[in-house]
Amino acid sequence: MYKEDGLTASQIGIILRDEYGIPLVKPILGKTITDVLRENGVKQDMPEDLDRLVKKALGLQRHLRTHNSDRRNVRSLELIESKIHRLSRYYKKRDNIDKNWKYAAVIAQAQ
C-alpha cells in the first residue's frame, strides 16, 4: 500500500496511527510492519535505524570537510559512529545484515 510510495516501515506506522487510529500493528496482525513487508516481497537492504545513522554520519562528514574546526560536531560524529558499530554488531548476530558489512570510520581523517 504505502511502500510503493517509498515510505519506510516507521512512516507507515505513523500514518496508520495518525490517519487510521491504529496505535500498534503487532497486536492486530500478530507480526510487525517489517514482517508484513518482508512477506510481500519488499526487501530492505539495511535495517532502518542503521540506515538513518549512516546517513546522519555522512551528513556530518560532509559538514566537517568544510568546517574542520567544529569540535562539537567531531564529538557528535564519534558518538554516531560508535552507535553504528554497536548496531552493526547486533544486526550481524541476528543475520539482518551481511557478515562482511563494515562501516569505515573517518574520525582520524576529520581531526
PDB file of N, CA and C in Angstrom:
ATOM      1  N   MET A   1       0.833  -1.190   0.000  1.00  0.00           N
ATOM      2  CA  MET A   1       0.000   0.000   0.000  1.00  0.00           C
ATOM      3  C   MET A   1       0.871   1.244   0.000  1.00  0.00           C
ATOM      4  N   TYR A   2       1.630   1.486   1.051  1.00  0.00           N
ATOM      5  CA  TYR A   2       2.414   2.706   1.139  1.00  0.00           C
ATOM      6  C   TYR A   2       3.864   2.511   0.740  1.00  0.00           C
ATOM      7  N   LYS A   3       4.364   1.291   0.759  1.00  0.00           N
ATOM      8  CA  LYS A   3       5.764   1.060   0.428  1.00  0.00           C
ATOM      9  C   LYS A   3       6.038   1.431  -1.027  1.00  0.00           C
ATOM     10  N   GLU A   4       5.010   1.348  -1.881  1.00  0.00           N
ATOM     11  CA  GLU A   4       5.178   1.751  -3.267  1.00  0.00           C
ATOM     12  C   GLU A   4       5.480   3.244  -3.376  1.00  0.00           C
ATOM     13  N   ASP A   5       5.054   4.013  -2.384  1.00  0.00           N
ATOM     14  CA  ASP A   5       5.322   5.441  -2.376  1.00  0.00           C
ATOM     15  C   ASP A   5       6.713   5.753  -1.848  1.00  0.00           C
ATOM     16  N   GLY A   6       7.480   4.733  -1.437  1.00  0.00           N
ATOM     17  CA  GLY A   6       8.825   4.941  -0.924  1.00  0.00           C
ATOM     18  C   GLY A   6       8.870   5.215   0.565  1.00  0.00           C
ATOM     19  N   LEU A   7       7.843   4.831   1.293  1.00  0.00           N
ATOM     20  CA  LEU A   7       7.818   5.058   2.730  1.00  0.00           C
ATOM     21  C   LEU A   7       8.478   3.912   3.475  1.00  0.00           C
ATOM     22  N   THR A   8       9.063   4.231   4.602  1.00  0.00           N
ATOM     23  CA  THR A   8       9.675   3.205   5.434  1.00  0.00           C
ATOM     24  C   THR A   8       8.630   2.601   6.350  1.00  0.00           C
ATOM     25  N   ALA A   9       9.035   1.543   7.059  1.00  0.00           N
ATOM     26  CA  ALA A   9       8.102   0.860   7.962  1.00  0.00           C
ATOM     27  C   ALA A   9       7.643   1.795   9.077  1.00  0.00           C
ATOM     28  N   SER A  10       8.534   2.618   9.596  1.00  0.00           N
ATOM     29  CA  SER A  10       8.127   3.532  10.670  1.00  0.00           C
ATOM     30  C   SER A  10       7.188   4.620  10.143  1.00  0.00           C
ATOM     31  N   GLN A  11       7.407   5.075   8.919  1.00  0.00           N
ATOM     32  CA  GLN A  11       6.498   6.067   8.343  1.00  0.00           C
ATOM     33  C   GLN A  11       5.124   5.471   8.095  1.00  0.00           C
ATOM     34  N   ILE A  12       5.074   4.206   7.685  1.00  0.00           N
ATOM     35  CA  ILE A  12       3.794   3.525   7.518  1.00  0.00           C
ATOM     36  C   ILE A  12       3.085   3.422   8.863  1.00  0.00           C
ATOM     37  N   GLY A  13       3.841   3.103   9.921  1.00  0.00           N
ATOM     38  CA  GLY A  13       3.262   3.027  11.265  1.00  0.00           C
ATOM     39  C   GLY A  13       2.717   4.352  11.742  1.00  0.00           C
ATOM     40  N   ILE A  14       3.410   5.432  11.429  1.00  0.00           N
ATOM     41  CA  ILE A  14       2.939   6.770  11.822  1.00  0.00           C
ATOM     42  C   ILE A  14       1.653   7.124  11.078  1.00  0.00           C
ATOM     43  N   ILE A  15       1.585   6.772   9.799  1.00  0.00           N
ATOM     44  CA  ILE A  15       0.363   7.040   9.028  1.00  0.00           C
ATOM     45  C   ILE A  15      -0.798   6.230   9.585  1.00  0.00           C
ATOM     46  N   LEU A  16      -0.556   4.957   9.889  1.00  0.00           N
ATOM     47  CA  LEU A  16      -1.620   4.127  10.468  1.00  0.00           C
ATOM     48  C   LEU A  16      -2.089   4.694  11.797  1.00  0.00           C
ATOM     49  N   ARG A  17      -1.165   5.198  12.597  1.00  0.00           N
ATOM     50  CA  ARG A  17      -1.526   5.760  13.902  1.00  0.00           C
ATOM     51  C   ARG A  17      -2.302   7.074  13.742  1.00  0.00           C
ATOM     52  N   ASP A  18      -1.795   7.977  12.919  1.00  0.00           N
ATOM     53  CA  ASP A  18      -2.381   9.314  12.833  1.00  0.00           C
ATOM     54  C   ASP A  18      -3.652   9.370  11.996  1.00  0.00           C
ATOM     55  N   GLU A  19      -3.686   8.669  10.872  1.00  0.00           N
ATOM     56  CA  GLU A  19      -4.827   8.781   9.970  1.00  0.00           C
ATOM     57  C   GLU A  19      -5.917   7.745  10.239  1.00  0.00           C
ATOM     58  N   TYR A  20      -5.514   6.575  10.719  1.00  0.00           N
ATOM     59  CA  TYR A  20      -6.487   5.494  10.857  1.00  0.00           C
ATOM     60  C   TYR A  20      -6.746   5.086  12.300  1.00  0.00           C
ATOM     61  N   GLY A  21      -6.025   5.668  13.248  1.00  0.00           N
ATOM     62  CA  GLY A  21      -6.267   5.381  14.658  1.00  0.00           C
ATOM     63  C   GLY A  21      -5.817   4.002  15.102  1.00  0.00           C
ATOM     64  N   ILE A  22      -4.826   3.443  14.415  1.00  0.00           N
ATOM     65  CA  ILE A  22      -4.299   2.128  14.783  1.00  0.00           C
ATOM     66  C   ILE A  22      -2.976   2.364  15.515  1.00  0.00           C
ATOM     67  N   PRO A  23      -2.965   2.275  16.840  1.00  0.00           N
ATOM     68  CA  PRO A  23      -1.743   2.612  17.572  1.00  0.00           C
ATOM     69  C   PRO A  23      -0.622   1.597  17.394  1.00  0.00           C
ATOM     70  N   LEU A  24      -0.970   0.297  17.349  1.00  0.00           N
ATOM     71  CA  LEU A  24       0.028  -0.765  17.199  1.00  0.00           C
ATOM     72  C   LEU A  24      -0.481  -1.802  16.213  1.00  0.00           C
ATOM     73  N   VAL A  25       0.397  -2.249  15.339  1.00  0.00           N
ATOM     74  CA  VAL A  25       0.009  -3.226  14.326  1.00  0.00           C
ATOM     75  C   VAL A  25       0.181  -4.646  14.848  1.00  0.00           C
ATOM     76  N   LYS A  26       1.186  -4.870  15.678  1.00  0.00           N
ATOM     77  CA  LYS A  26       1.511  -6.225  16.113  1.00  0.00           C
ATOM     78  C   LYS A  26       0.377  -6.927  16.869  1.00  0.00           C
ATOM     79  N   PRO A  27      -0.339  -6.258  17.788  1.00  0.00           N
ATOM     80  CA  PRO A  27      -1.453  -6.954  18.442  1.00  0.00           C
ATOM     81  C   PRO A  27      -2.584  -7.338  17.482  1.00  0.00           C
ATOM     82  N   ILE A  28      -2.741  -6.572  16.411  1.00  0.00           N
ATOM     83  CA  ILE A  28      -3.825  -6.847  15.458  1.00  0.00           C
ATOM     84  C   ILE A  28      -3.448  -7.980  14.506  1.00  0.00           C
ATOM     85  N   LEU A  29      -2.243  -7.864  13.896  1.00  0.00           N
ATOM     86  CA  LEU A  29      -1.820  -8.848  12.901  1.00  0.00           C
ATOM     87  C   LEU A  29      -1.004 -10.000  13.479  1.00  0.00           C
ATOM     88  N   GLY A  30      -0.414  -9.775  14.633  1.00  0.00           N
ATOM     89  CA  GLY A  30       0.462 -10.791  15.201  1.00  0.00           C
ATOM     90  C   GLY A  30       1.880 -10.721  14.664  1.00  0.00           C
ATOM     91  N   LYS A  31       2.165  -9.713  13.866  1.00  0.00           N
ATOM     92  CA  LYS A  31       3.509  -9.511  13.325  1.00  0.00           C
ATOM     93  C   LYS A  31       3.725  -8.022  13.066  1.00  0.00           C
ATOM     94  N   THR A  32       4.975  -7.651  12.902  1.00  0.00           N
ATOM     95  CA  THR A  32       5.304  -6.237  12.729  1.00  0.00           C
ATOM     96  C   THR A  32       5.117  -5.811  11.276  1.00  0.00           C
ATOM     97  N   ILE A  33       5.174  -4.512  11.056  1.00  0.00           N
ATOM     98  CA  ILE A  33       5.061  -3.972   9.698  1.00  0.00           C
ATOM     99  C   ILE A  33       6.215  -4.474   8.845  1.00  0.00           C
ATOM    100  N   THR A  34       7.395  -4.552   9.425  1.00  0.00           N
ATOM    101  CA  THR A  34       8.564  -5.045   8.687  1.00  0.00           C
ATOM    102  C   THR A  34       8.355  -6.491   8.250  1.00  0.00           C
ATOM    103  N   ASP A  35       7.771  -7.310   9.118  1.00  0.00           N
ATOM    104  CA  ASP A  35       7.480  -8.708   8.760  1.00  0.00           C
ATOM    105  C   ASP A  35       6.462  -8.779   7.628  1.00  0.00           C
ATOM    106  N   VAL A  36       5.452  -7.935   7.674  1.00  0.00           N
ATOM    107  CA  VAL A  36       4.430  -7.907   6.623  1.00  0.00           C
ATOM    108  C   VAL A  36       5.055  -7.501   5.297  1.00  0.00           C
ATOM    109  N   LEU A  37       5.918  -6.483   5.326  1.00  0.00           N
ATOM    110  CA  LEU A  37       6.586  -6.043   4.097  1.00  0.00           C
ATOM    111  C   LEU A  37       7.486  -7.141   3.548  1.00  0.00           C
ATOM    112  N   ARG A  38       8.200  -7.817   4.438  1.00  0.00           N
ATOM    113  CA  ARG A  38       9.098  -8.899   4.009  1.00  0.00           C
ATOM    114  C   ARG A  38       8.302 -10.034   3.367  1.00  0.00           C
ATOM    115  N   GLU A  39       7.137 -10.371   3.933  1.00  0.00           N
ATOM    116  CA  GLU A  39       6.297 -11.430   3.370  1.00  0.00           C
ATOM    117  C   GLU A  39       5.763 -11.061   1.999  1.00  0.00           C
ATOM    118  N   ASN A  40       5.572  -9.768   1.757  1.00  0.00           N
ATOM    119  CA  ASN A  40       5.039  -9.329   0.467  1.00  0.00           C
ATOM    120  C   ASN A  40       6.127  -8.991  -0.536  1.00  0.00           C
ATOM    121  N   GLY A  41       7.342  -9.396  -0.240  1.00  0.00           N
ATOM    122  CA  GLY A  41       8.418  -9.251  -1.219  1.00  0.00           C
ATOM    123  C   GLY A  41       9.150  -7.930  -1.210  1.00  0.00           C
ATOM    124  N   VAL A  42       8.934  -7.109  -0.201  1.00  0.00           N
ATOM    125  CA  VAL A  42       9.644  -5.835  -0.109  1.00  0.00           C
ATOM    126  C   VAL A  42      10.862  -6.068   0.775  1.00  0.00           C
ATOM    127  N   LYS A  43      12.023  -6.116   0.155  1.00  0.00           N
ATOM    128  CA  LYS A  43      13.262  -6.421   0.881  1.00  0.00           C
ATOM    129  C   LYS A  43      13.998  -5.123   1.145  1.00  0.00           C
ATOM    130  N   GLN A  44      14.445  -4.952   2.375  1.00  0.00           N
ATOM    131  CA  GLN A  44      15.243  -3.781   2.715  1.00  0.00           C
ATOM    132  C   GLN A  44      16.704  -4.194   2.761  1.00  0.00           C
ATOM    133  N   ASP A  45      17.574  -3.324   2.264  1.00  0.00           N
ATOM    134  CA  ASP A  45      18.998  -3.626   2.234  1.00  0.00           C
ATOM    135  C   ASP A  45      19.590  -3.636   3.629  1.00  0.00           C
ATOM    136  N   MET A  46      19.162  -2.664   4.432  1.00  0.00           N
ATOM    137  CA  MET A  46      19.736  -2.465   5.754  1.00  0.00           C
ATOM    138  C   MET A  46      18.598  -2.076   6.694  1.00  0.00           C
ATOM    139  N   PRO A  47      18.669  -2.455   7.965  1.00  0.00           N
ATOM    140  CA  PRO A  47      17.629  -2.027   8.897  1.00  0.00           C
ATOM    141  C   PRO A  47      17.519  -0.497   8.943  1.00  0.00           C
ATOM    142  N   GLU A  48      16.309  -0.040   9.157  1.00  0.00           N
ATOM    143  CA  GLU A  48      16.019   1.392   9.038  1.00  0.00           C
ATOM    144  C   GLU A  48      16.830   2.256   9.999  1.00  0.00           C
ATOM    145  N   ASP A  49      16.989   1.824  11.245  1.00  0.00           N
ATOM    146  CA  ASP A  49      17.716   2.648  12.202  1.00  0.00           C
ATOM    147  C   ASP A  49      19.192   2.748  11.848  1.00  0.00           C
ATOM    148  N   LEU A  50      19.774   1.665  11.369  1.00  0.00           N
ATOM    149  CA  LEU A  50      21.172   1.689  10.963  1.00  0.00           C
ATOM    150  C   LEU A  50      21.354   2.553   9.722  1.00  0.00           C
ATOM    151  N   ASP A  51      20.419   2.468   8.802  1.00  0.00           N
ATOM    152  CA  ASP A  51      20.481   3.290   7.591  1.00  0.00           C
ATOM    153  C   ASP A  51      20.408   4.779   7.927  1.00  0.00           C
ATOM    154  N   ARG A  52      19.532   5.154   8.845  1.00  0.00           N
ATOM    155  CA  ARG A  52      19.415   6.558   9.265  1.00  0.00           C
ATOM    156  C   ARG A  52      20.705   7.059   9.911  1.00  0.00           C
ATOM    157  N   LEU A  53      21.315   6.223  10.751  1.00  0.00           N
ATOM    158  CA  LEU A  53      22.558   6.624  11.407  1.00  0.00           C
ATOM    159  C   LEU A  53      23.687   6.808  10.402  1.00  0.00           C
ATOM    160  N   VAL A  54      23.752   5.938   9.400  1.00  0.00           N
ATOM    161  CA  VAL A  54      24.795   6.069   8.373  1.00  0.00           C
ATOM    162  C   VAL A  54      24.597   7.354   7.576  1.00  0.00           C
ATOM    163  N   LYS A  55      23.345   7.656   7.234  1.00  0.00           N
ATOM    164  CA  LYS A  55      23.072   8.897   6.501  1.00  0.00           C
ATOM    165  C   LYS A  55      23.415  10.123   7.341  1.00  0.00           C
ATOM    166  N   LYS A  56      23.127  10.050   8.631  1.00  0.00           N
ATOM    167  CA  LYS A  56      23.447  11.158   9.531  1.00  0.00           C
ATOM    168  C   LYS A  56      24.961  11.348   9.630  1.00  0.00           C
ATOM    169  N   ALA A  57      25.688  10.246   9.723  1.00  0.00           N
ATOM    170  CA  ALA A  57      27.148  10.318   9.788  1.00  0.00           C
ATOM    171  C   ALA A  57      27.722  10.889   8.494  1.00  0.00           C
ATOM    172  N   LEU A  58      27.164  10.509   7.359  1.00  0.00           N
ATOM    173  CA  LEU A  58      27.645  11.046   6.089  1.00  0.00           C
ATOM    174  C   LEU A  58      27.401  12.548   5.999  1.00  0.00           C
ATOM    175  N   GLY A  59      26.261  13.005   6.501  1.00  0.00           N
ATOM    176  CA  GLY A  59      25.984  14.439   6.517  1.00  0.00           C
ATOM    177  C   GLY A  59      26.961  15.193   7.403  1.00  0.00           C
ATOM    178  N   LEU A  60      27.277  14.627   8.563  1.00  0.00           N
ATOM    179  CA  LEU A  60      28.248  15.262   9.458  1.00  0.00           C
ATOM    180  C   LEU A  60      29.648  15.253   8.860  1.00  0.00           C
ATOM    181  N   GLN A  61      30.002  14.176   8.159  1.00  0.00           N
ATOM    182  CA  GLN A  61      31.301  14.135   7.499  1.00  0.00           C
ATOM    183  C   GLN A  61      31.408  15.224   6.444  1.00  0.00           C
ATOM    184  N   ARG A  62      30.341  15.412   5.692  1.00  0.00           N
ATOM    185  CA  ARG A  62      30.321  16.456   4.664  1.00  0.00           C
ATOM    186  C   ARG A  62      30.460  17.836   5.312  1.00  0.00           C
ATOM    187  N   HIS A  63      29.794  18.037   6.441  1.00  0.00           N
ATOM    188  CA  HIS A  63      29.883  19.301   7.167  1.00  0.00           C
ATOM    189  C   HIS A  63      31.307  19.535   7.667  1.00  0.00           C
ATOM    190  N   LEU A  64      31.919  18.485   8.196  1.00  0.00           N
ATOM    191  CA  LEU A  64      33.255  18.629   8.775  1.00  0.00           C
ATOM    192  C   LEU A  64      34.343  18.821   7.717  1.00  0.00           C
ATOM    193  N   ARG A  65      34.059  18.448   6.467  1.00  0.00           N
ATOM    194  CA  ARG A  65      35.034  18.721   5.411  1.00  0.00           C
ATOM    195  C   ARG A  65      35.194  20.221   5.169  1.00  0.00           C
ATOM    196  N   THR A  66      34.110  20.962   5.310  1.00  0.00           N
ATOM    197  CA  THR A  66      34.186  22.411   5.100  1.00  0.00           C
ATOM    198  C   THR A  66      34.440  23.173   6.399  1.00  0.00           C
ATOM    199  N   HIS A  67      33.988  22.621   7.524  1.00  0.00           N
ATOM    200  CA  HIS A  67      34.161  23.276   8.826  1.00  0.00           C
ATOM    201  C   HIS A  67      34.998  22.366   9.719  1.00  0.00           C
ATOM    202  N   ASN A  68      36.272  22.245   9.405  1.00  0.00           N
ATOM    203  CA  ASN A  68      37.098  21.258  10.090  1.00  0.00           C
ATOM    204  C   ASN A  68      37.482  21.642  11.509  1.00  0.00           C
ATOM    205  N   SER A  69      37.188  22.851  11.955  1.00  0.00           N
ATOM    206  CA  SER A  69      37.498  23.229  13.336  1.00  0.00           C
ATOM    207  C   SER A  69      36.278  23.125  14.251  1.00  0.00           C
ATOM    208  N   ASP A  70      35.212  22.532  13.776  1.00  0.00           N
ATOM    209  CA  ASP A  70      33.975  22.376  14.545  1.00  0.00           C
ATOM    210  C   ASP A  70      34.102  21.164  15.476  1.00  0.00           C
ATOM    211  N   ARG A  71      34.674  21.376  16.643  1.00  0.00           N
ATOM    212  CA  ARG A  71      34.979  20.279  17.568  1.00  0.00           C
ATOM    213  C   ARG A  71      33.731  19.611  18.144  1.00  0.00           C
ATOM    214  N   ARG A  72      32.678  20.368  18.328  1.00  0.00           N
ATOM    215  CA  ARG A  72      31.442  19.786  18.871  1.00  0.00           C
ATOM    216  C   ARG A  72      30.899  18.717  17.929  1.00  0.00           C
ATOM    217  N   ASN A  73      30.916  18.999  16.656  1.00  0.00           N
ATOM    218  CA  ASN A  73      30.394  18.024  15.709  1.00  0.00           C
ATOM    219  C   ASN A  73      31.370  16.891  15.447  1.00  0.00           C
ATOM    220  N   VAL A  74      32.653  17.091  15.708  1.00  0.00           N
ATOM    221  CA  VAL A  74      33.589  15.971  15.656  1.00  0.00           C
ATOM    222  C   VAL A  74      33.192  14.963  16.728  1.00  0.00           C
ATOM    223  N   ARG A  75      32.886  15.460  17.908  1.00  0.00           N
ATOM    224  CA  ARG A  75      32.444  14.582  19.004  1.00  0.00           C
ATOM    225  C   ARG A  75      31.111  13.924  18.664  1.00  0.00           C
ATOM    226  N   SER A  76      30.197  14.664  18.049  1.00  0.00           N
ATOM    227  CA  SER A  76      28.913  14.087  17.647  1.00  0.00           C
ATOM    228  C   SER A  76      29.125  12.961  16.638  1.00  0.00           C
ATOM    229  N   LEU A  77      30.041  13.164  15.717  1.00  0.00           N
ATOM    230  CA  LEU A  77      30.339  12.128  14.733  1.00  0.00           C
ATOM    231  C   LEU A  77      30.937  10.899  15.408  1.00  0.00           C
ATOM    232  N   GLU A  78      31.785  11.089  16.391  1.00  0.00           N
ATOM    233  CA  GLU A  78      32.341   9.954  17.133  1.00  0.00           C
ATOM    234  C   GLU A  78      31.236   9.151  17.802  1.00  0.00           C
ATOM    235  N   LEU A  79      30.279   9.835  18.418  1.00  0.00           N
ATOM    236  CA  LEU A  79      29.175   9.145  19.097  1.00  0.00           C
ATOM    237  C   LEU A  79      28.284   8.400  18.109  1.00  0.00           C
ATOM    238  N   ILE A  80      28.006   9.020  16.972  1.00  0.00           N
ATOM    239  CA  ILE A  80      27.161   8.385  15.966  1.00  0.00           C
ATOM    240  C   ILE A  80      27.854   7.152  15.402  1.00  0.00           C
ATOM    241  N   GLU A  81      29.166   7.277  15.141  1.00  0.00           N
ATOM    242  CA  GLU A  81      29.887   6.128  14.601  1.00  0.00           C
ATOM    243  C   GLU A  81      29.971   4.998  15.622  1.00  0.00           C
ATOM    244  N   SER A  82      30.024   5.346  16.892  1.00  0.00           N
ATOM    245  CA  SER A  82      30.006   4.319  17.930  1.00  0.00           C
ATOM    246  C   SER A  82      28.673   3.571  17.913  1.00  0.00           C
ATOM    247  N   LYS A  83      27.579   4.308  17.754  1.00  0.00           N
ATOM    248  CA  LYS A  83      26.261   3.670  17.664  1.00  0.00           C
ATOM    249  C   LYS A  83      26.173   2.773  16.442  1.00  0.00           C
ATOM    250  N   ILE A  84      26.756   3.230  15.335  1.00  0.00           N
ATOM    251  CA  ILE A  84      26.727   2.428  14.110  1.00  0.00           C
ATOM    252  C   ILE A  84      27.458   1.109  14.329  1.00  0.00           C
ATOM    253  N   HIS A  85      28.614   1.156  14.979  1.00  0.00           N
ATOM    254  CA  HIS A  85      29.378  -0.067  15.213  1.00  0.00           C
ATOM    255  C   HIS A  85      28.636  -1.022  16.148  1.00  0.00           C
ATOM    256  N   ARG A  86      28.008  -0.480  17.194  1.00  0.00           N
ATOM    257  CA  ARG A  86      27.249  -1.344  18.111  1.00  0.00           C
ATOM    258  C   ARG A  86      26.055  -1.980  17.412  1.00  0.00           C
ATOM    259  N   LEU A  87      25.303  -1.171  16.651  1.00  0.00           N
ATOM    260  CA  LEU A  87      24.135  -1.701  15.953  1.00  0.00           C
ATOM    261  C   LEU A  87      24.532  -2.726  14.897  1.00  0.00           C
ATOM    262  N   SER A  88      25.621  -2.458  14.186  1.00  0.00           N
ATOM    263  CA  SER A  88      26.041  -3.405  13.152  1.00  0.00           C
ATOM    264  C   SER A  88      26.436  -4.736  13.775  1.00  0.00           C
ATOM    265  N   ARG A  89      27.074  -4.703  14.938  1.00  0.00           N
ATOM    266  CA  ARG A  89      27.424  -5.944  15.624  1.00  0.00           C
ATOM    267  C   ARG A  89      26.147  -6.723  15.991  1.00  0.00           C
ATOM    268  N   TYR A  90      25.147  -6.002  16.486  1.00  0.00           N
ATOM    269  CA  TYR A  90      23.872  -6.610  16.856  1.00  0.00           C
ATOM    270  C   TYR A  90      23.186  -7.230  15.637  1.00  0.00           C
ATOM    271  N   TYR A  91      23.119  -6.488  14.542  1.00  0.00           N
ATOM    272  CA  TYR A  91      22.429  -6.987  13.352  1.00  0.00           C
ATOM    273  C   TYR A  91      23.198  -8.110  12.672  1.00  0.00           C
ATOM    274  N   LYS A  92      24.510  -8.131  12.791  1.00  0.00           N
ATOM    275  CA  LYS A  92      25.280  -9.252  12.242  1.00  0.00           C
ATOM    276  C   LYS A  92      24.967 -10.530  13.012  1.00  0.00           C
ATOM    277  N   LYS A  93      24.799 -10.424  14.330  1.00  0.00           N
ATOM    278  CA  LYS A  93      24.455 -11.598  15.131  1.00  0.00           C
ATOM    279  C   LYS A  93      23.071 -12.126  14.773  1.00  0.00           C
ATOM    280  N   ARG A  94      22.169 -11.224  14.449  1.00  0.00           N
ATOM    281  CA  ARG A  94      20.795 -11.626  14.111  1.00  0.00           C
ATOM    282  C   ARG A  94      20.609 -11.914  12.631  1.00  0.00           C
ATOM    283  N   ASP A  95      21.676 -11.817  11.843  1.00  0.00           N
ATOM    284  CA  ASP A  95      21.656 -12.054  10.392  1.00  0.00           C
ATOM    285  C   ASP A  95      20.738 -11.092   9.643  1.00  0.00           C
ATOM    286  N   ASN A  96      20.636  -9.857  10.118  1.00  0.00           N
ATOM    287  CA  ASN A  96      19.855  -8.848   9.400  1.00  0.00           C
ATOM    288  C   ASN A  96      20.691  -8.118   8.365  1.00  0.00           C
ATOM    289  N   ILE A  97      22.000  -8.117   8.556  1.00  0.00           N
ATOM    290  CA  ILE A  97      22.907  -7.557   7.557  1.00  0.00           C
ATOM    291  C   ILE A  97      23.984  -8.596   7.270  1.00  0.00           C
ATOM    292  N   ASP A  98      24.692  -8.394   6.181  1.00  0.00           N
ATOM    293  CA  ASP A  98      25.740  -9.312   5.773  1.00  0.00           C
ATOM    294  C   ASP A  98      26.869  -9.324   6.793  1.00  0.00           C
ATOM    295  N   LYS A  99      27.448 -10.479   7.012  1.00  0.00           N
ATOM    296  CA  LYS A  99      28.543 -10.608   7.981  1.00  0.00           C
ATOM    297  C   LYS A  99      29.761  -9.790   7.562  1.00  0.00           C
ATOM    298  N   ASN A 100      29.905  -9.523   6.276  1.00  0.00           N
ATOM    299  CA  ASN A 100      31.058  -8.772   5.772  1.00  0.00           C
ATOM    300  C   ASN A 100      30.821  -7.262   5.754  1.00  0.00           C
ATOM    301  N   TRP A 101      29.615  -6.807   6.106  1.00  0.00           N
ATOM    302  CA  TRP A 101      29.312  -5.373   6.075  1.00  0.00           C
ATOM    303  C   TRP A 101      30.188  -4.648   7.082  1.00  0.00           C
ATOM    304  N   LYS A 102      30.758  -3.533   6.651  1.00  0.00           N
ATOM    305  CA  LYS A 102      31.621  -2.773   7.542  1.00  0.00           C
ATOM    306  C   LYS A 102      31.451  -1.295   7.255  1.00  0.00           C
ATOM    307  N   TYR A 103      31.347  -0.531   8.323  1.00  0.00           N
ATOM    308  CA  TYR A 103      31.297   0.916   8.216  1.00  0.00           C
ATOM    309  C   TYR A 103      32.702   1.444   8.403  1.00  0.00           C
ATOM    310  N   ALA A 104      33.166   2.261   7.485  1.00  0.00           N
ATOM    311  CA  ALA A 104      34.514   2.815   7.568  1.00  0.00           C
ATOM    312  C   ALA A 104      34.471   4.147   8.285  1.00  0.00           C
ATOM    313  N   ALA A 105      35.022   4.197   9.484  1.00  0.00           N
ATOM    314  CA  ALA A 105      35.028   5.425  10.277  1.00  0.00           C
ATOM    315  C   ALA A 105      36.033   6.409   9.699  1.00  0.00           C
ATOM    316  N   VAL A 106      35.709   7.690   9.811  1.00  0.00           N
ATOM    317  CA  VAL A 106      36.608   8.722   9.292  1.00  0.00           C
ATOM    318  C   VAL A 106      37.017   9.699  10.389  1.00  0.00           C
ATOM    319  N   ILE A 107      36.927   9.267  11.626  1.00  0.00           N
ATOM    320  CA  ILE A 107      37.297  10.152  12.739  1.00  0.00           C
ATOM    321  C   ILE A 107      38.742  10.591  12.620  1.00  0.00           C
ATOM    322  N   ALA A 108      39.625   9.683  12.281  1.00  0.00           N
ATOM    323  CA  ALA A 108      41.037  10.010  12.179  1.00  0.00           C
ATOM    324  C   ALA A 108      41.275  11.031  11.063  1.00  0.00           C
ATOM    325  N   GLN A 109      40.489  10.959  10.001  1.00  0.00           N
ATOM    326  CA  GLN A 109      40.644  11.901   8.904  1.00  0.00           C
ATOM    327  C   GLN A 109      40.075  13.270   9.270  1.00  0.00           C
ATOM    328  N   ALA A 110      39.042  13.296  10.106  1.00  0.00           N
ATOM    329  CA  ALA A 110      38.376  14.558  10.439  1.00  0.00           C
ATOM    330  C   ALA A 110      39.188  15.403  11.408  1.00  0.00           C
ATOM    331  N   GLN A 111      40.074  14.786  12.178  1.00  0.00           N
ATOM    332  CA  GLN A 111      40.788  15.556  13.181  1.00  0.00           C
ATOM    333  C   GLN A 111      42.066  16.141  12.672  1.00  0.00           C
TER     334      GLN A 111
END
